[in-house]
Amino acid sequence: MFTRAGFPPIEEVQANGRQIRRLLLTDPYMMSAVPGIEVERHRDGHVTLRLQYFAWSGDSVSIDQVAWDALAAIEQEAFAAPAYSPEPVSQRASPPPPAPAICHGWGLWLQASVERRAVWSQCGGRGGPIVDYAMQMLTLAMATRPNCRFERENPFASFSRCFSPTMSLDNPELEAIFAVLRREYYEVAGADRLAEARMALRAPSLTRGGSAWQSARAAIDRYKATNDYRSERLQRLRELASTAVNPSQADRAKMQLTIQDWSHFMQAQGSNYRSLVEQLESLAD
């Protein structure tokens, strides 16, 4: 779970003798890119906190050393193995209980070492040591962003609102160009042009060279124009990413992720275009 979220493998961390504590959140619908938190006590005693995103790491921020002691004071309970409660003999022959109602809640994962992990789901309980531990880590993270409002009645959502990434770049000069490329890329009515071309190919009495055929070819050309427009923006983004001078890890990751996303989308649109042309050309004279 943690490595999929972008954290270095815990085995490597332990091998280097580092002392870390990690928290990972999952939102109720698994739709938000909520970053994880890592608190580390270094060999000289100072303590840092950083955020871990899927494709980049946030900058480490020094925090008060007592924060580590406060976590250590409650981690025995937080990382304790769940108590085993055998099913009463009187209930073993009873009919199974009804299926629980569908629940969408937050999830928590804690990690201190290969052996020391803990998991909690909002759908399975209201609180406990794991939640108390997580709340301390969330409070520490939120304190590094004075402009963020930490809502204790809704702590997970407030953390997500504060730290979930946007596609905006940190470098204002790069962002000025990137923002224009994003706007131009997404403002194109490609889906409408594709639907228009597909409808044109369904026209009755569609024969090669006829007026309906000419209309279908024009609709396909308009769809191709939208793809060409987007492909040009993709190429300009590739050039921006390759020529950027010392971009931050986050900016580099955001541009590369966008390039991957746009590239996959444009490959699909190219396949759609070829399919339309094949249908048009397959018509008999």
Protein backbone atom coordinates (compact mmCIF):
# COMPACT_ATOMS: atom_id res chain seq x y z
CA MET A 1 0.00 0.00 0.00
CA PHE A 2 2.72 2.47 0.98
CA THR A 3 4.99 1.77 -1.99
CA ARG A 4 2.02 2.12 -4.35
CA ALA A 5 1.41 5.53 -2.78
CA GLY A 6 4.98 6.60 -3.61
CA PHE A 7 6.86 5.86 -0.39
CA PRO A 8 10.28 4.19 -0.61
CA PRO A 9 10.10 0.53 0.48
CA ILE A 10 10.20 0.23 4.26
CA GLU A 11 12.84 -2.51 3.96
CA GLU A 12 15.28 0.01 2.47
CA VAL A 13 14.49 2.54 5.17
CA GLN A 14 15.13 0.01 7.93
CA ALA A 15 18.35 -1.19 6.29
CA ASN A 16 19.68 2.36 6.49
CA GLY A 17 18.87 2.56 10.19
CA ARG A 18 16.32 5.35 9.78
CA GLN A 19 13.50 5.87 12.28
CA ILE A 20 10.27 6.82 10.55
CA ARG A 21 6.55 6.81 11.20
CA ARG A 22 4.11 6.91 8.28
CA LEU A 23 0.44 7.67 7.82
CA LEU A 24 -1.56 7.04 4.67
CA LEU A 25 -5.19 8.08 4.16
CA THR A 26 -7.71 6.82 1.63
CA ASP A 27 -10.83 8.83 0.94
CA PRO A 28 -14.28 7.18 1.00
CA TYR A 29 -14.53 6.80 -2.78
CA MET A 30 -10.81 6.35 -3.58
CA MET A 31 -10.94 9.35 -5.90
CA SER A 32 -8.65 11.89 -4.23
CA ALA A 33 -4.87 11.92 -4.43
CA VAL A 34 -4.41 12.42 -0.69
CA PRO A 35 -0.70 12.53 0.19
CA GLY A 36 0.84 10.44 2.91
CA ILE A 37 2.78 11.78 5.90
CA GLU A 38 6.21 10.68 7.07
CA VAL A 39 7.75 11.80 10.36
CA GLU A 40 11.43 10.98 10.89
CA ARG A 41 13.78 11.26 13.84
CA HIS A 42 17.30 11.75 12.59
CA ARG A 43 20.50 10.52 14.20
CA ASP A 44 21.22 13.93 15.69
CA GLY A 45 17.79 13.97 17.34
CA HIS A 46 16.03 16.55 15.21
CA VAL A 47 12.65 15.61 13.75
CA THR A 48 11.28 16.35 10.29
CA LEU A 49 7.95 15.92 8.55
CA ARG A 50 7.34 15.58 4.83
CA LEU A 51 4.44 14.75 2.56
CA GLN A 52 4.66 11.90 0.07
CA TYR A 53 2.72 12.21 -3.16
CA PHE A 54 2.32 9.47 -5.74
CA ALA A 55 5.08 10.76 -8.02
CA TRP A 56 7.08 13.18 -5.89
CA SER A 57 8.07 13.99 -2.33
CA GLY A 58 7.35 17.20 -0.53
CA ASP A 59 10.13 19.16 1.15
CA SER A 60 11.11 18.06 4.65
CA VAL A 61 10.10 20.54 7.35
CA SER A 62 11.66 20.59 10.80
CA ILE A 63 9.20 20.18 13.66
CA ASP A 64 9.49 20.21 17.43
CA GLN A 65 11.35 17.20 18.81
CA VAL A 66 8.64 16.63 21.40
CA ALA A 67 6.35 15.59 18.52
CA TRP A 68 8.26 12.33 18.24
CA ASP A 69 7.97 11.69 21.98
CA ALA A 70 4.23 12.36 21.83
CA LEU A 71 3.83 9.74 19.09
CA ALA A 72 6.03 7.28 20.94
CA ALA A 73 3.87 7.63 24.05
CA ILE A 74 0.82 6.15 22.30
CA GLU A 75 2.27 3.95 19.61
CA GLN A 76 2.27 0.76 21.66
CA GLU A 77 -1.53 0.85 21.66
CA ALA A 78 -1.77 2.11 18.08
CA PHE A 79 0.36 -0.71 16.69
CA ALA A 80 -1.00 -3.41 18.99
CA ALA A 81 -2.29 -6.54 17.25
CA PRO A 82 -6.10 -6.78 17.23
CA ALA A 83 -7.43 -8.85 20.09
CA TYR A 84 -8.88 -12.19 19.06
CA SER A 85 -12.49 -12.69 20.11
CA PRO A 86 -13.69 -16.25 19.48
CA GLU A 87 -17.27 -16.64 18.42
CA PRO A 88 -19.50 -17.79 21.28
CA VAL A 89 -20.46 -21.44 20.97
CA SER A 90 -24.15 -20.53 21.27
CA GLN A 91 -23.94 -18.45 18.07
CA ARG A 92 -22.07 -20.86 15.84
CA ALA A 93 -25.21 -22.64 14.69
CA SER A 94 -27.23 -19.46 14.36
CA PRO A 95 -28.19 -18.19 10.91
CA PRO A 96 -25.76 -15.62 9.51
CA PRO A 97 -26.56 -11.99 10.25
CA PRO A 98 -27.92 -9.81 7.45
CA ALA A 99 -25.39 -8.19 5.14
CA PRO A 100 -24.25 -4.79 6.42
CA ALA A 101 -25.32 -1.64 4.64
CA ILE A 102 -22.95 -0.25 2.03
CA CYS A 103 -20.46 2.04 3.73
CA HIS A 104 -18.04 4.55 2.24
CA GLY A 105 -15.58 5.82 4.81
CA TRP A 106 -12.04 6.99 5.29
CA GLY A 107 -9.24 4.49 5.81
CA LEU A 108 -5.99 4.80 7.78
CA TRP A 109 -2.74 2.91 7.37
CA LEU A 110 0.13 3.34 9.84
CA GLN A 111 3.65 2.03 9.33
CA ALA A 112 6.73 2.10 11.55
CA SER A 113 8.66 -0.93 10.27
CA VAL A 114 8.20 -4.12 8.30
CA GLU A 115 6.62 -5.74 11.34
CA ARG A 116 4.78 -2.77 12.82
CA ARG A 117 1.73 -1.77 10.82
CA ALA A 118 -1.84 -0.87 11.68
CA VAL A 119 -5.04 -0.43 9.69
CA TRP A 120 -8.32 1.24 10.55
CA SER A 121 -11.50 1.83 8.60
CA GLN A 122 -14.14 4.41 9.40
CA CYS A 123 -16.74 1.84 8.42
CA GLY A 124 -15.49 -0.52 11.11
CA GLY A 125 -15.25 1.74 14.14
CA ARG A 126 -15.53 5.25 15.47
CA GLY A 127 -12.08 5.70 16.96
CA GLY A 128 -9.38 4.22 19.12
CA PRO A 129 -5.59 4.34 19.46
CA ILE A 130 -4.99 4.18 15.69
CA VAL A 131 -7.18 7.22 15.11
CA ASP A 132 -5.58 9.08 18.03
CA TYR A 133 -2.15 8.40 16.54
CA ALA A 134 -3.28 9.53 13.10
CA MET A 135 -4.82 12.69 14.54
CA GLN A 136 -1.49 13.64 16.06
CA MET A 137 0.26 13.20 12.70
CA LEU A 138 -2.44 15.16 10.90
CA THR A 139 -2.16 17.97 13.44
CA LEU A 140 1.60 18.10 12.92
CA ALA A 141 1.18 18.28 9.14
CA MET A 142 -1.53 20.93 9.27
CA ALA A 143 0.63 23.07 11.55
CA THR A 144 3.12 23.44 8.70
CA ARG A 145 0.42 25.22 6.67
CA PRO A 146 -0.81 28.11 8.83
CA ASN A 147 -3.29 29.18 6.14
CA CYS A 148 -5.11 25.84 6.31
CA ARG A 149 -8.00 25.38 8.70
CA PHE A 150 -7.93 22.03 10.51
CA GLU A 151 -11.47 20.91 11.29
CA ARG A 152 -11.31 18.47 14.18
CA GLU A 153 -14.88 17.41 13.53
CA ASN A 154 -13.86 16.46 9.98
CA PRO A 155 -10.07 16.05 10.14
CA PHE A 156 -9.48 13.78 7.15
CA ALA A 157 -11.43 15.92 4.70
CA SER A 158 -9.79 19.13 5.92
CA PHE A 159 -6.34 17.57 5.48
CA SER A 160 -7.29 16.44 1.98
CA ARG A 161 -8.54 19.92 1.03
CA CYS A 162 -5.31 21.46 2.24
CA PHE A 163 -2.77 19.05 0.78
CA SER A 164 -4.32 17.24 -2.17
CA PRO A 165 -2.30 18.28 -5.23
CA THR A 166 -3.43 20.43 -8.10
CA MET A 167 -1.91 20.37 -11.57
CA SER A 168 -0.63 23.92 -11.16
CA LEU A 169 3.16 24.23 -11.16
CA ASP A 170 5.18 25.86 -8.41
CA ASN A 171 7.35 27.82 -10.84
CA PRO A 172 5.27 30.84 -11.93
CA GLU A 173 6.99 31.16 -15.32
CA LEU A 174 6.41 27.50 -16.15
CA GLU A 175 2.85 27.67 -14.83
CA ALA A 176 2.04 30.65 -17.04
CA ILE A 177 2.80 28.52 -20.11
CA PHE A 178 1.42 25.27 -18.72
CA ALA A 179 -1.89 26.89 -17.77
CA VAL A 180 -2.44 28.09 -21.34
CA LEU A 181 -1.64 24.65 -22.75
CA ARG A 182 -4.08 22.99 -20.30
CA ARG A 183 -6.85 25.44 -21.14
CA GLU A 184 -6.36 25.09 -24.88
CA TYR A 185 -6.11 21.31 -24.69
CA TYR A 186 -9.32 20.85 -22.70
CA GLU A 187 -11.45 23.51 -24.37
CA VAL A 188 -11.58 21.61 -27.69
CA ALA A 189 -14.94 19.96 -28.42
CA GLY A 190 -13.36 16.70 -29.50
CA ALA A 191 -16.15 14.50 -28.15
CA ASP A 192 -18.74 16.52 -30.07
CA ARG A 193 -16.75 16.27 -33.30
CA LEU A 194 -16.36 12.51 -32.84
CA ALA A 195 -20.10 12.06 -32.25
CA GLU A 196 -20.84 14.23 -35.28
CA ALA A 197 -18.59 12.10 -37.50
CA ARG A 198 -20.11 8.85 -36.27
CA MET A 199 -23.62 10.14 -36.90
CA ALA A 200 -22.64 11.25 -40.39
CA LEU A 201 -21.49 7.72 -41.21
CA ARG A 202 -24.96 6.43 -40.28
CA ALA A 203 -26.75 8.59 -42.81
CA PRO A 204 -29.12 6.64 -45.07
CA SER A 205 -28.10 6.03 -48.69
CA LEU A 206 -24.47 6.77 -47.92
CA THR A 207 -22.59 6.06 -51.16
CA ARG A 208 -19.08 7.00 -52.21
CA GLY A 209 -18.87 10.46 -53.71
CA GLY A 210 -22.46 11.39 -52.85
CA SER A 211 -23.47 14.44 -50.86
CA ALA A 212 -23.92 12.41 -47.65
CA TRP A 213 -20.49 10.85 -48.19
CA GLN A 214 -18.95 14.29 -48.70
CA SER A 215 -20.62 15.49 -45.50
CA ALA A 216 -19.26 12.49 -43.59
CA ARG A 217 -15.76 13.12 -44.90
CA ALA A 218 -15.99 16.77 -43.84
CA ALA A 219 -17.15 15.73 -40.37
CA ILE A 220 -14.21 13.32 -40.08
CA ASP A 221 -11.85 16.08 -41.18
CA ARG A 222 -13.22 18.37 -38.48
CA TYR A 223 -12.63 15.62 -35.92
CA LYS A 224 -9.07 15.20 -37.17
CA ALA A 225 -8.54 18.94 -36.79
CA THR A 226 -9.36 18.71 -33.09
CA ASN A 227 -6.88 15.87 -32.70
CA ASP A 228 -4.20 17.82 -34.56
CA TYR A 229 -4.85 20.84 -32.32
CA ARG A 230 -4.47 18.75 -29.17
CA SER A 231 -1.40 16.96 -30.54
CA GLU A 232 0.26 20.32 -31.08
CA ARG A 233 -0.40 21.25 -27.42
CA LEU A 234 1.04 17.90 -26.35
CA GLN A 235 4.18 18.53 -28.38
CA ARG A 236 4.55 22.02 -26.89
CA LEU A 237 4.22 20.51 -23.40
CA ARG A 238 6.95 17.97 -24.20
CA GLU A 239 9.19 20.84 -25.29
CA LEU A 240 8.39 22.77 -22.13
CA ALA A 241 9.26 19.78 -19.94
CA SER A 242 12.50 19.09 -21.80
CA THR A 243 13.75 22.68 -21.73
CA ALA A 244 12.68 23.66 -18.20
CA VAL A 245 15.68 24.74 -16.13
CA ASN A 246 15.95 22.97 -12.77
CA PRO A 247 12.21 22.34 -12.26
CA SER A 248 11.15 21.11 -8.85
CA GLN A 249 10.47 17.42 -8.39
CA ALA A 250 6.75 18.18 -8.17
CA ASP A 251 6.73 20.33 -11.31
CA ARG A 252 8.67 17.72 -13.27
CA ALA A 253 6.30 14.98 -12.11
CA LYS A 254 3.18 16.99 -12.93
CA MET A 255 4.36 17.73 -16.44
CA GLN A 256 5.36 14.12 -17.05
CA LEU A 257 2.07 12.78 -15.67
CA THR A 258 0.17 15.18 -17.92
CA ILE A 259 2.27 14.13 -20.92
CA GLN A 260 1.47 10.47 -20.20
CA ASP A 261 -2.23 11.19 -19.76
CA TRP A 262 -2.48 13.25 -22.95
CA SER A 263 -0.40 10.75 -24.91
CA HIS A 264 -2.64 7.83 -23.97
CA PHE A 265 -5.73 9.87 -24.81
CA MET A 266 -4.35 10.95 -28.17
CA GLN A 267 -3.46 7.36 -29.03
CA ALA A 268 -7.10 6.42 -28.46
CA GLN A 269 -8.28 9.36 -30.56
CA GLY A 270 -5.94 8.34 -33.35
CA SER A 271 -7.47 4.88 -33.30
CA ASN A 272 -10.95 6.43 -33.48
CA TYR A 273 -9.93 8.53 -36.47
CA ARG A 274 -8.49 5.55 -38.35
CA SER A 275 -11.69 3.60 -37.69
CA LEU A 276 -13.81 6.42 -39.11
CA VAL A 277 -11.67 6.64 -42.25
CA GLU A 278 -11.84 2.87 -42.74
CA GLN A 279 -15.63 2.94 -42.51
CA LEU A 280 -15.80 5.79 -44.99
CA GLU A 281 -13.43 4.15 -47.48
CA SER A 282 -15.15 0.78 -47.22
CA LEU A 283 -18.31 2.12 -48.80
CA ALA A 284 -19.03 0.81 -52.28
CA ASP A 285 -19.17 3.17 -55.26
